[in-house]
Amino acid sequence: MNQKSLRTAAALAVGLVVVQALLVPLFAAPAANIAPHDVPIAVAGPAAAVDPLAAQLANHDGAFEVTKLADGVAADQAIRDREVYAAFVVTPTGPELHTASAAGPLVASLLTGAAQQMSQGAPVKVVDIVASPVDDPRGAGFSSSYLPLLLTGMLAGILLVLLVSSWVARLVGVAAYALLSGLIGTLVLRDWLGVISGDHLADAATIGLIGLAVSGTLAGLGSLLGRPGIGLGALIVFLVGNPLSAVAAAPELLPQPWGALGQFLPAGAGATLLRSTAFFDGAGGMKSALVLACYAAVGLVFITLRRPKVEAAE
């Protein structure tokens, strides 16, 4: 048997096991260590009642970042503006917890449990200010449908590098994919599955921007660096970006600074922006939109800078 082939096979086996050893904790650790870290919440009501409640919440080992508000109306507006995930509201009839399950069902569930503990078993009224869609009450459909958006965007960028030699055609292909991804993705997620709501054009623009950022990143790095660039793009978008995206939870529930870092990658920024446009009329999505736009712009520029030969079909 050829000794070179044996060495190659052994090296591949060792290399893949090393990659596996790195990927398993990368994907599993964030999910296994979910806990609140400076989750923005509010307390609202008369100062005499709010101050002790705010102090009690502040003592949870950095779990919450507490803002004091005048009343329940101000608290509900802060929730709709995505300034806070929830609010403990002191009312004449007793404490209430106002949440937004659409911002993250897991956060709403954790805060509901915290409210019951703080009330020492007494019932606490829970008001869902911005609820998840009726067809997706636990948000599982939203998080499950998001992964295919990343994968198809990656595939579009990779295939454009491998099968299309013209940089102009690659630009056209990325733009066409983003446009069609936004239109078709919105029809599927919004009108068929019912896992997002909101304005149709805003949802389409968001999904299209996600597609432009992801496919542009892969096509740009692949055009500039060849096959190593494709690998780097996959690392940024999926191997690192997906587990840090917090699409099924919230950035503040992941171990820090990883939760914050994930919001500067296409997957995390896209998940946050899609929640904002789908459920909150775009509130709180500006930073994420800028992150995606930067990835898209840099990727498109990279496509035009250098075009190494990568076994193009044309």
C-alpha atoms as a PDB file:
ATOM      1  CA  MET A   1       0.000   0.000   0.000  1.00  0.00           C
ATOM      2  CA  ASN A   2       1.252   3.476  -0.830  1.00  0.00           C
ATOM      3  CA  GLN A   3       2.914   5.024   2.238  1.00  0.00           C
ATOM      4  CA  LYS A   4       1.974   8.521   1.139  1.00  0.00           C
ATOM      5  CA  SER A   5      -1.706   7.528   0.995  1.00  0.00           C
ATOM      6  CA  LEU A   6      -1.484   6.049   4.480  1.00  0.00           C
ATOM      7  CA  ARG A   7       0.071   9.217   5.874  1.00  0.00           C
ATOM      8  CA  THR A   8      -2.558  11.330   4.154  1.00  0.00           C
ATOM      9  CA  ALA A   9      -5.391   9.183   5.531  1.00  0.00           C
ATOM     10  CA  ALA A  10      -3.914   9.266   9.027  1.00  0.00           C
ATOM     11  CA  ALA A  11      -3.419  13.037   8.876  1.00  0.00           C
ATOM     12  CA  LEU A  12      -7.007  13.525   7.728  1.00  0.00           C
ATOM     13  CA  ALA A  13      -8.319  11.350  10.555  1.00  0.00           C
ATOM     14  CA  VAL A  14      -6.280  13.207  13.176  1.00  0.00           C
ATOM     15  CA  GLY A  15      -7.202  16.585  11.746  1.00  0.00           C
ATOM     16  CA  LEU A  16     -10.918  15.842  11.683  1.00  0.00           C
ATOM     17  CA  VAL A  17     -10.847  14.560  15.259  1.00  0.00           C
ATOM     18  CA  VAL A  18      -9.141  17.783  16.342  1.00  0.00           C
ATOM     19  CA  VAL A  19     -11.787  19.807  14.493  1.00  0.00           C
ATOM     20  CA  GLN A  20     -14.490  17.733  16.180  1.00  0.00           C
ATOM     21  CA  ALA A  21     -12.935  18.321  19.588  1.00  0.00           C
ATOM     22  CA  LEU A  22     -13.039  22.065  18.942  1.00  0.00           C
ATOM     23  CA  LEU A  23     -16.513  22.208  17.388  1.00  0.00           C
ATOM     24  CA  VAL A  24     -18.360  20.179  20.024  1.00  0.00           C
ATOM     25  CA  PRO A  25     -17.629  22.619  22.889  1.00  0.00           C
ATOM     26  CA  LEU A  26     -18.093  25.586  20.567  1.00  0.00           C
ATOM     27  CA  PHE A  27     -21.661  24.476  19.800  1.00  0.00           C
ATOM     28  CA  ALA A  28     -22.496  22.894  23.167  1.00  0.00           C
ATOM     29  CA  ALA A  29     -20.901  25.271  25.683  1.00  0.00           C
ATOM     30  CA  PRO A  30     -23.130  28.308  24.970  1.00  0.00           C
ATOM     31  CA  ALA A  31     -26.279  26.180  25.203  1.00  0.00           C
ATOM     32  CA  ALA A  32     -25.085  24.354  28.317  1.00  0.00           C
ATOM     33  CA  ASN A  33     -24.170  27.564  30.158  1.00  0.00           C
ATOM     34  CA  ILE A  34     -27.235  29.673  29.465  1.00  0.00           C
ATOM     35  CA  ALA A  35     -27.817  32.155  32.290  1.00  0.00           C
ATOM     36  CA  PRO A  36     -28.791  35.836  32.472  1.00  0.00           C
ATOM     37  CA  HIS A  37     -25.937  38.335  32.197  1.00  0.00           C
ATOM     38  CA  ASP A  38     -26.971  42.008  32.473  1.00  0.00           C
ATOM     39  CA  VAL A  39     -30.367  41.334  30.911  1.00  0.00           C
ATOM     40  CA  PRO A  40     -32.038  44.764  30.477  1.00  0.00           C
ATOM     41  CA  ILE A  41     -35.250  44.907  32.492  1.00  0.00           C
ATOM     42  CA  ALA A  42     -37.321  47.673  34.062  1.00  0.00           C
ATOM     43  CA  VAL A  43     -39.178  48.211  37.303  1.00  0.00           C
ATOM     44  CA  ALA A  44     -42.094  50.608  37.184  1.00  0.00           C
ATOM     45  CA  GLY A  45     -44.388  52.198  39.730  1.00  0.00           C
ATOM     46  CA  PRO A  46     -44.233  54.483  42.786  1.00  0.00           C
ATOM     47  CA  ALA A  47     -40.680  55.131  43.979  1.00  0.00           C
ATOM     48  CA  ALA A  48     -41.388  53.786  47.462  1.00  0.00           C
ATOM     49  CA  ALA A  49     -42.284  50.392  46.002  1.00  0.00           C
ATOM     50  CA  VAL A  50     -39.865  50.395  43.080  1.00  0.00           C
ATOM     51  CA  ASP A  51     -36.636  51.151  44.951  1.00  0.00           C
ATOM     52  CA  PRO A  52     -36.642  47.992  47.128  1.00  0.00           C
ATOM     53  CA  LEU A  53     -37.607  45.873  44.114  1.00  0.00           C
ATOM     54  CA  ALA A  54     -34.808  47.359  42.013  1.00  0.00           C
ATOM     55  CA  ALA A  55     -32.326  46.710  44.818  1.00  0.00           C
ATOM     56  CA  GLN A  56     -33.512  43.113  45.104  1.00  0.00           C
ATOM     57  CA  LEU A  57     -33.061  42.534  41.372  1.00  0.00           C
ATOM     58  CA  ALA A  58     -29.647  44.210  41.379  1.00  0.00           C
ATOM     59  CA  ASN A  59     -28.428  41.656  43.915  1.00  0.00           C
ATOM     60  CA  HIS A  60     -28.741  38.751  41.472  1.00  0.00           C
ATOM     61  CA  ASP A  61     -24.988  38.588  40.744  1.00  0.00           C
ATOM     62  CA  GLY A  62     -25.097  40.775  37.654  1.00  0.00           C
ATOM     63  CA  ALA A  63     -28.005  38.931  36.102  1.00  0.00           C
ATOM     64  CA  PHE A  64     -30.047  42.068  35.418  1.00  0.00           C
ATOM     65  CA  GLU A  65     -29.463  45.623  34.298  1.00  0.00           C
ATOM     66  CA  VAL A  66     -32.316  47.495  35.970  1.00  0.00           C
ATOM     67  CA  THR A  67     -33.978  50.686  34.750  1.00  0.00           C
ATOM     68  CA  LYS A  68     -36.558  52.519  36.872  1.00  0.00           C
ATOM     69  CA  LEU A  69     -39.631  53.864  35.082  1.00  0.00           C
ATOM     70  CA  ALA A  70     -42.624  55.885  36.206  1.00  0.00           C
ATOM     71  CA  ASP A  71     -45.470  53.509  35.414  1.00  0.00           C
ATOM     72  CA  GLY A  72     -46.679  50.559  33.394  1.00  0.00           C
ATOM     73  CA  VAL A  73     -47.306  52.657  30.282  1.00  0.00           C
ATOM     74  CA  ALA A  74     -43.665  53.738  30.153  1.00  0.00           C
ATOM     75  CA  ALA A  75     -42.578  50.158  30.845  1.00  0.00           C
ATOM     76  CA  ASP A  76     -44.672  48.762  27.990  1.00  0.00           C
ATOM     77  CA  GLN A  77     -43.262  51.358  25.602  1.00  0.00           C
ATOM     78  CA  ALA A  78     -39.716  50.454  26.628  1.00  0.00           C
ATOM     79  CA  ILE A  79     -40.524  46.818  25.858  1.00  0.00           C
ATOM     80  CA  ARG A  80     -41.944  47.705  22.427  1.00  0.00           C
ATOM     81  CA  ASP A  81     -38.837  49.810  21.698  1.00  0.00           C
ATOM     82  CA  ARG A  82     -36.622  46.820  22.636  1.00  0.00           C
ATOM     83  CA  GLU A  83     -34.918  48.832  25.359  1.00  0.00           C
ATOM     84  CA  VAL A  84     -35.789  46.133  27.908  1.00  0.00           C
ATOM     85  CA  TYR A  85     -36.901  42.516  27.710  1.00  0.00           C
ATOM     86  CA  ALA A  86     -39.486  42.807  30.468  1.00  0.00           C
ATOM     87  CA  ALA A  87     -40.709  44.986  33.309  1.00  0.00           C
ATOM     88  CA  PHE A  88     -41.824  44.353  36.885  1.00  0.00           C
ATOM     89  CA  VAL A  89     -44.764  46.699  37.325  1.00  0.00           C
ATOM     90  CA  VAL A  90     -46.132  47.607  40.767  1.00  0.00           C
ATOM     91  CA  THR A  91     -49.913  48.174  40.553  1.00  0.00           C
ATOM     92  CA  PRO A  92     -52.608  48.823  43.176  1.00  0.00           C
ATOM     93  CA  THR A  93     -53.779  45.230  42.750  1.00  0.00           C
ATOM     94  CA  GLY A  94     -50.330  43.711  43.111  1.00  0.00           C
ATOM     95  CA  PRO A  95     -47.117  43.159  41.117  1.00  0.00           C
ATOM     96  CA  GLU A  96     -47.229  42.271  37.444  1.00  0.00           C
ATOM     97  CA  LEU A  97     -44.592  41.027  35.049  1.00  0.00           C
ATOM     98  CA  HIS A  98     -44.804  42.505  31.574  1.00  0.00           C
ATOM     99  CA  THR A  99     -42.814  40.510  29.033  1.00  0.00           C
ATOM    100  CA  ALA A 100     -42.254  40.190  25.278  1.00  0.00           C
ATOM    101  CA  SER A 101     -42.070  36.538  24.319  1.00  0.00           C
ATOM    102  CA  ALA A 102     -41.388  37.615  20.718  1.00  0.00           C
ATOM    103  CA  ALA A 103     -38.062  39.073  21.875  1.00  0.00           C
ATOM    104  CA  GLY A 104     -37.030  35.696  23.240  1.00  0.00           C
ATOM    105  CA  PRO A 105     -39.360  33.068  24.716  1.00  0.00           C
ATOM    106  CA  LEU A 106     -36.555  31.691  26.878  1.00  0.00           C
ATOM    107  CA  VAL A 107     -35.943  35.096  28.458  1.00  0.00           C
ATOM    108  CA  ALA A 108     -39.649  35.496  29.163  1.00  0.00           C
ATOM    109  CA  SER A 109     -39.743  32.048  30.747  1.00  0.00           C
ATOM    110  CA  LEU A 110     -36.711  32.722  32.944  1.00  0.00           C
ATOM    111  CA  LEU A 111     -38.115  36.042  34.128  1.00  0.00           C
ATOM    112  CA  THR A 112     -41.479  34.476  34.866  1.00  0.00           C
ATOM    113  CA  GLY A 113     -39.737  31.947  37.091  1.00  0.00           C
ATOM    114  CA  ALA A 114     -37.743  34.719  38.783  1.00  0.00           C
ATOM    115  CA  ALA A 115     -40.936  36.672  39.440  1.00  0.00           C
ATOM    116  CA  GLN A 116     -42.556  33.664  41.124  1.00  0.00           C
ATOM    117  CA  GLN A 117     -39.489  33.178  43.325  1.00  0.00           C
ATOM    118  CA  MET A 118     -39.394  36.817  44.359  1.00  0.00           C
ATOM    119  CA  SER A 119     -43.088  36.757  45.251  1.00  0.00           C
ATOM    120  CA  GLN A 120     -42.436  33.723  47.498  1.00  0.00           C
ATOM    121  CA  GLY A 121     -45.039  31.633  45.745  1.00  0.00           C
ATOM    122  CA  ALA A 122     -47.742  34.283  45.514  1.00  0.00           C
ATOM    123  CA  PRO A 123     -49.291  34.455  42.026  1.00  0.00           C
ATOM    124  CA  VAL A 124     -47.847  37.121  39.748  1.00  0.00           C
ATOM    125  CA  LYS A 125     -49.880  38.308  36.777  1.00  0.00           C
ATOM    126  CA  VAL A 126     -47.912  37.966  33.527  1.00  0.00           C
ATOM    127  CA  VAL A 127     -48.795  40.230  30.600  1.00  0.00           C
ATOM    128  CA  ASP A 128     -47.241  39.434  27.216  1.00  0.00           C
ATOM    129  CA  ILE A 129     -46.875  42.856  25.585  1.00  0.00           C
ATOM    130  CA  VAL A 130     -45.370  41.602  22.309  1.00  0.00           C
ATOM    131  CA  ALA A 131     -46.350  37.956  21.981  1.00  0.00           C
ATOM    132  CA  SER A 132     -44.866  35.338  19.676  1.00  0.00           C
ATOM    133  CA  PRO A 133     -47.038  34.427  16.668  1.00  0.00           C
ATOM    134  CA  VAL A 134     -49.961  32.109  17.311  1.00  0.00           C
ATOM    135  CA  ASP A 135     -48.435  29.569  14.898  1.00  0.00           C
ATOM    136  CA  ASP A 136     -45.119  29.629  16.775  1.00  0.00           C
ATOM    137  CA  PRO A 137     -45.848  30.348  20.459  1.00  0.00           C
ATOM    138  CA  ARG A 138     -42.517  28.972  21.764  1.00  0.00           C
ATOM    139  CA  GLY A 139     -40.366  30.510  19.032  1.00  0.00           C
ATOM    140  CA  ALA A 140     -39.062  27.102  17.941  1.00  0.00           C
ATOM    141  CA  GLY A 141     -40.139  27.672  14.352  1.00  0.00           C
ATOM    142  CA  PHE A 142     -38.320  30.990  14.211  1.00  0.00           C
ATOM    143  CA  SER A 143     -35.015  29.554  15.433  1.00  0.00           C
ATOM    144  CA  SER A 144     -35.308  26.395  13.317  1.00  0.00           C
ATOM    145  CA  SER A 145     -36.110  28.282  10.128  1.00  0.00           C
ATOM    146  CA  TYR A 146     -33.226  30.700  10.600  1.00  0.00           C
ATOM    147  CA  LEU A 147     -30.474  28.125  10.045  1.00  0.00           C
ATOM    148  CA  PRO A 148     -31.505  27.390   6.422  1.00  0.00           C
ATOM    149  CA  LEU A 149     -31.170  31.112   5.675  1.00  0.00           C
ATOM    150  CA  LEU A 150     -27.514  30.936   6.710  1.00  0.00           C
ATOM    151  CA  LEU A 151     -26.818  27.663   4.921  1.00  0.00           C
ATOM    152  CA  THR A 152     -28.351  28.699   1.599  1.00  0.00           C
ATOM    153  CA  GLY A 153     -26.548  32.036   1.749  1.00  0.00           C
ATOM    154  CA  MET A 154     -23.260  30.229   2.315  1.00  0.00           C
ATOM    155  CA  LEU A 155     -23.998  27.807  -0.518  1.00  0.00           C
ATOM    156  CA  ALA A 156     -24.800  30.666  -2.894  1.00  0.00           C
ATOM    157  CA  GLY A 157     -21.485  32.382  -2.152  1.00  0.00           C
ATOM    158  CA  ILE A 158     -19.465  29.167  -2.438  1.00  0.00           C
ATOM    159  CA  LEU A 159     -21.029  28.086  -5.728  1.00  0.00           C
ATOM    160  CA  LEU A 160     -20.522  31.529  -7.247  1.00  0.00           C
ATOM    161  CA  VAL A 161     -16.802  31.275  -6.481  1.00  0.00           C
ATOM    162  CA  LEU A 162     -16.426  27.711  -7.737  1.00  0.00           C
ATOM    163  CA  LEU A 163     -18.639  27.883 -10.819  1.00  0.00           C
ATOM    164  CA  VAL A 164     -18.514  31.506 -11.987  1.00  0.00           C
ATOM    165  CA  SER A 165     -15.235  33.084 -13.141  1.00  0.00           C
ATOM    166  CA  SER A 166     -16.451  36.589 -14.007  1.00  0.00           C
ATOM    167  CA  TRP A 167     -16.389  38.984 -11.062  1.00  0.00           C
ATOM    168  CA  VAL A 168     -19.233  40.970 -12.609  1.00  0.00           C
ATOM    169  CA  ALA A 169     -21.332  37.831 -12.838  1.00  0.00           C
ATOM    170  CA  ARG A 170     -20.510  37.025  -9.221  1.00  0.00           C
ATOM    171  CA  LEU A 171     -21.778  40.453  -8.177  1.00  0.00           C
ATOM    172  CA  VAL A 172     -24.964  39.935 -10.175  1.00  0.00           C
ATOM    173  CA  GLY A 173     -25.381  36.467  -8.674  1.00  0.00           C
ATOM    174  CA  VAL A 174     -25.018  37.717  -5.090  1.00  0.00           C
ATOM    175  CA  ALA A 175     -27.492  40.537  -5.708  1.00  0.00           C
ATOM    176  CA  ALA A 176     -29.989  38.241  -7.423  1.00  0.00           C
ATOM    177  CA  TYR A 177     -29.755  35.671  -4.636  1.00  0.00           C
ATOM    178  CA  ALA A 178     -30.305  38.332  -1.951  1.00  0.00           C
ATOM    179  CA  LEU A 179     -33.346  39.756  -3.760  1.00  0.00           C
ATOM    180  CA  LEU A 180     -34.975  36.388  -4.359  1.00  0.00           C
ATOM    181  CA  SER A 181     -34.083  35.149  -0.877  1.00  0.00           C
ATOM    182  CA  GLY A 182     -35.852  38.116   0.662  1.00  0.00           C
ATOM    183  CA  LEU A 183     -38.993  37.716  -1.428  1.00  0.00           C
ATOM    184  CA  ILE A 184     -39.323  33.933  -1.228  1.00  0.00           C
ATOM    185  CA  GLY A 185     -38.084  33.692   2.351  1.00  0.00           C
ATOM    186  CA  THR A 186     -40.752  36.125   3.500  1.00  0.00           C
ATOM    187  CA  LEU A 187     -43.488  34.217   1.689  1.00  0.00           C
ATOM    188  CA  VAL A 188     -42.397  30.984   3.384  1.00  0.00           C
ATOM    189  CA  LEU A 189     -41.667  32.266   6.908  1.00  0.00           C
ATOM    190  CA  ARG A 190     -44.458  34.844   7.110  1.00  0.00           C
ATOM    191  CA  ASP A 191     -47.301  33.766   4.854  1.00  0.00           C
ATOM    192  CA  TRP A 192     -46.870  29.987   4.874  1.00  0.00           C
ATOM    193  CA  LEU A 193     -45.364  29.006   8.230  1.00  0.00           C
ATOM    194  CA  GLY A 194     -46.478  32.037  10.231  1.00  0.00           C
ATOM    195  CA  VAL A 195     -43.265  32.217  12.305  1.00  0.00           C
ATOM    196  CA  ILE A 196     -42.739  35.936  11.630  1.00  0.00           C
ATOM    197  CA  SER A 197     -45.143  38.825  11.258  1.00  0.00           C
ATOM    198  CA  GLY A 198     -44.752  42.545  10.708  1.00  0.00           C
ATOM    199  CA  ASP A 199     -44.544  44.514   7.491  1.00  0.00           C
ATOM    200  CA  HIS A 200     -44.042  42.317   4.430  1.00  0.00           C
ATOM    201  CA  LEU A 201     -41.505  44.592   2.726  1.00  0.00           C
ATOM    202  CA  ALA A 202     -39.532  45.131   5.940  1.00  0.00           C
ATOM    203  CA  ASP A 203     -39.298  41.380   6.501  1.00  0.00           C
ATOM    204  CA  ALA A 204     -38.246  40.832   2.887  1.00  0.00           C
ATOM    205  CA  ALA A 205     -35.612  43.572   3.117  1.00  0.00           C
ATOM    206  CA  THR A 206     -34.204  42.030   6.292  1.00  0.00           C
ATOM    207  CA  ILE A 207     -34.016  38.494   4.917  1.00  0.00           C
ATOM    208  CA  GLY A 208     -32.510  39.890   1.716  1.00  0.00           C
ATOM    209  CA  LEU A 209     -29.881  41.809   3.708  1.00  0.00           C
ATOM    210  CA  ILE A 210     -29.007  38.655   5.638  1.00  0.00           C
ATOM    211  CA  GLY A 211     -28.616  36.822   2.328  1.00  0.00           C
ATOM    212  CA  LEU A 212     -26.496  39.635   0.892  1.00  0.00           C
ATOM    213  CA  ALA A 213     -24.212  39.699   3.947  1.00  0.00           C
ATOM    214  CA  VAL A 214     -23.739  35.923   4.096  1.00  0.00           C
ATOM    215  CA  SER A 215     -23.380  35.194   0.367  1.00  0.00           C
ATOM    216  CA  GLY A 216     -21.310  38.353  -0.106  1.00  0.00           C
ATOM    217  CA  THR A 217     -18.941  37.351   2.688  1.00  0.00           C
ATOM    218  CA  LEU A 218     -18.388  33.855   1.253  1.00  0.00           C
ATOM    219  CA  ALA A 219     -18.117  35.040  -2.339  1.00  0.00           C
ATOM    220  CA  GLY A 220     -15.874  37.958  -1.383  1.00  0.00           C
ATOM    221  CA  LEU A 221     -13.426  35.959   0.701  1.00  0.00           C
ATOM    222  CA  GLY A 222     -13.449  33.168  -1.862  1.00  0.00           C
ATOM    223  CA  SER A 223     -12.752  35.609  -4.694  1.00  0.00           C
ATOM    224  CA  LEU A 224      -9.936  37.266  -2.759  1.00  0.00           C
ATOM    225  CA  LEU A 225      -8.257  34.239  -1.163  1.00  0.00           C
ATOM    226  CA  GLY A 226      -9.501  31.242  -3.125  1.00  0.00           C
ATOM    227  CA  ARG A 227     -10.445  28.067  -1.266  1.00  0.00           C
ATOM    228  CA  PRO A 228      -8.899  29.231   2.041  1.00  0.00           C
ATOM    229  CA  GLY A 229     -11.219  32.236   1.814  1.00  0.00           C
ATOM    230  CA  ILE A 230     -14.226  29.935   1.505  1.00  0.00           C
ATOM    231  CA  GLY A 231     -13.099  28.138   4.654  1.00  0.00           C
ATOM    232  CA  LEU A 232     -12.627  31.444   6.488  1.00  0.00           C
ATOM    233  CA  GLY A 233     -16.086  32.577   5.422  1.00  0.00           C
ATOM    234  CA  ALA A 234     -17.647  29.349   6.663  1.00  0.00           C
ATOM    235  CA  LEU A 235     -15.836  29.817   9.966  1.00  0.00           C
ATOM    236  CA  ILE A 236     -17.146  33.360  10.393  1.00  0.00           C
ATOM    237  CA  VAL A 237     -20.718  32.701   9.296  1.00  0.00           C
ATOM    238  CA  PHE A 238     -21.421  29.207  10.572  1.00  0.00           C
ATOM    239  CA  LEU A 239     -18.799  27.436  12.656  1.00  0.00           C
ATOM    240  CA  VAL A 240     -18.374  30.399  15.018  1.00  0.00           C
ATOM    241  CA  GLY A 241     -21.278  32.639  14.066  1.00  0.00           C
ATOM    242  CA  ASN A 242     -24.133  30.136  14.412  1.00  0.00           C
ATOM    243  CA  PRO A 243     -23.505  28.949  18.008  1.00  0.00           C
ATOM    244  CA  LEU A 244     -22.949  32.560  19.100  1.00  0.00           C
ATOM    245  CA  SER A 245     -26.000  33.915  17.276  1.00  0.00           C
ATOM    246  CA  ALA A 246     -28.332  33.309  20.258  1.00  0.00           C
ATOM    247  CA  VAL A 247     -31.195  32.856  17.812  1.00  0.00           C
ATOM    248  CA  ALA A 248     -32.923  30.391  20.166  1.00  0.00           C
ATOM    249  CA  ALA A 249     -32.197  32.400  23.315  1.00  0.00           C
ATOM    250  CA  ALA A 250     -30.816  35.949  23.657  1.00  0.00           C
ATOM    251  CA  PRO A 251     -27.291  37.400  23.552  1.00  0.00           C
ATOM    252  CA  GLU A 252     -27.511  38.250  27.252  1.00  0.00           C
ATOM    253  CA  LEU A 253     -28.087  34.582  28.120  1.00  0.00           C
ATOM    254  CA  LEU A 254     -24.845  33.352  26.554  1.00  0.00           C
ATOM    255  CA  PRO A 255     -21.540  33.363  28.453  1.00  0.00           C
ATOM    256  CA  GLN A 256     -19.854  36.724  28.023  1.00  0.00           C
ATOM    257  CA  PRO A 257     -18.155  38.137  26.045  1.00  0.00           C
ATOM    258  CA  TRP A 258     -19.319  35.510  23.532  1.00  0.00           C
ATOM    259  CA  GLY A 259     -22.921  36.690  23.488  1.00  0.00           C
ATOM    260  CA  ALA A 260     -21.817  40.243  22.673  1.00  0.00           C
ATOM    261  CA  LEU A 261     -19.269  39.044  20.113  1.00  0.00           C
ATOM    262  CA  GLY A 262     -21.942  37.045  18.309  1.00  0.00           C
ATOM    263  CA  GLN A 263     -23.835  40.249  17.556  1.00  0.00           C
ATOM    264  CA  PHE A 264     -20.923  41.453  15.440  1.00  0.00           C
ATOM    265  CA  LEU A 265     -21.096  38.368  13.219  1.00  0.00           C
ATOM    266  CA  PRO A 266     -23.613  37.951  10.370  1.00  0.00           C
ATOM    267  CA  ALA A 267     -25.619  35.185  12.060  1.00  0.00           C
ATOM    268  CA  GLY A 268     -26.164  37.033  15.336  1.00  0.00           C
ATOM    269  CA  ALA A 269     -26.816  40.409  13.742  1.00  0.00           C
ATOM    270  CA  GLY A 270     -29.267  38.834  11.309  1.00  0.00           C
ATOM    271  CA  ALA A 271     -31.236  37.051  14.027  1.00  0.00           C
ATOM    272  CA  THR A 272     -31.567  40.248  16.056  1.00  0.00           C
ATOM    273  CA  LEU A 273     -32.590  42.339  13.058  1.00  0.00           C
ATOM    274  CA  LEU A 274     -35.152  39.782  11.912  1.00  0.00           C
ATOM    275  CA  ARG A 275     -36.773  39.766  15.366  1.00  0.00           C
ATOM    276  CA  SER A 276     -36.852  43.556  15.314  1.00  0.00           C
ATOM    277  CA  THR A 277     -38.506  43.869  11.918  1.00  0.00           C
ATOM    278  CA  ALA A 278     -40.800  40.856  12.352  1.00  0.00           C
ATOM    279  CA  PHE A 279     -42.226  41.755  15.758  1.00  0.00           C
ATOM    280  CA  PHE A 280     -41.152  45.269  16.847  1.00  0.00           C
ATOM    281  CA  ASP A 281     -41.540  47.447  13.730  1.00  0.00           C
ATOM    282  CA  GLY A 282     -37.759  47.608  13.412  1.00  0.00           C
ATOM    283  CA  ALA A 283     -37.110  48.943  16.923  1.00  0.00           C
ATOM    284  CA  GLY A 284     -33.669  48.083  18.239  1.00  0.00           C
ATOM    285  CA  GLY A 285     -32.415  46.829  14.893  1.00  0.00           C
ATOM    286  CA  MET A 286     -30.241  49.690  13.638  1.00  0.00           C
ATOM    287  CA  LYS A 287     -26.939  48.359  15.010  1.00  0.00           C
ATOM    288  CA  SER A 288     -27.597  44.907  13.554  1.00  0.00           C
ATOM    289  CA  ALA A 289     -28.526  46.378  10.178  1.00  0.00           C
ATOM    290  CA  LEU A 290     -25.245  48.309  10.099  1.00  0.00           C
ATOM    291  CA  VAL A 291     -23.268  45.164  10.950  1.00  0.00           C
ATOM    292  CA  LEU A 292     -24.907  43.237   8.112  1.00  0.00           C
ATOM    293  CA  ALA A 293     -24.439  46.132   5.698  1.00  0.00           C
ATOM    294  CA  CYS A 294     -20.724  46.256   6.536  1.00  0.00           C
ATOM    295  CA  TYR A 295     -20.273  42.537   5.831  1.00  0.00           C
ATOM    296  CA  ALA A 296     -22.203  42.883   2.589  1.00  0.00           C
ATOM    297  CA  ALA A 297     -20.232  45.935   1.451  1.00  0.00           C
ATOM    298  CA  VAL A 298     -16.830  44.445   2.284  1.00  0.00           C
ATOM    299  CA  GLY A 299     -17.760  41.178   0.591  1.00  0.00           C
ATOM    300  CA  LEU A 300     -18.833  42.938  -2.599  1.00  0.00           C
ATOM    301  CA  VAL A 301     -15.629  44.977  -2.644  1.00  0.00           C
ATOM    302  CA  PHE A 302     -13.546  41.816  -2.156  1.00  0.00           C
ATOM    303  CA  ILE A 303     -15.235  40.250  -5.188  1.00  0.00           C
ATOM    304  CA  THR A 304     -13.871  43.065  -7.352  1.00  0.00           C
ATOM    305  CA  LEU A 305     -10.346  43.208  -5.915  1.00  0.00           C
ATOM    306  CA  ARG A 306      -8.789  39.920  -6.961  1.00  0.00           C
ATOM    307  CA  ARG A 307     -10.111  36.954  -8.851  1.00  0.00           C
ATOM    308  CA  PRO A 308      -7.856  33.900  -8.375  1.00  0.00           C
ATOM    309  CA  LYS A 309      -8.565  30.899 -10.584  1.00  0.00           C
ATOM    310  CA  VAL A 310     -10.688  28.436  -8.582  1.00  0.00           C
ATOM    311  CA  GLU A 311     -11.716  25.796 -11.093  1.00  0.00           C
ATOM    312  CA  ALA A 312     -14.468  27.953 -12.578  1.00  0.00           C
ATOM    313  CA  ALA A 313     -16.881  26.297 -14.972  1.00  0.00           C
ATOM    314  CA  GLU A 314     -17.119  29.299 -17.233  1.00  0.00           C
END
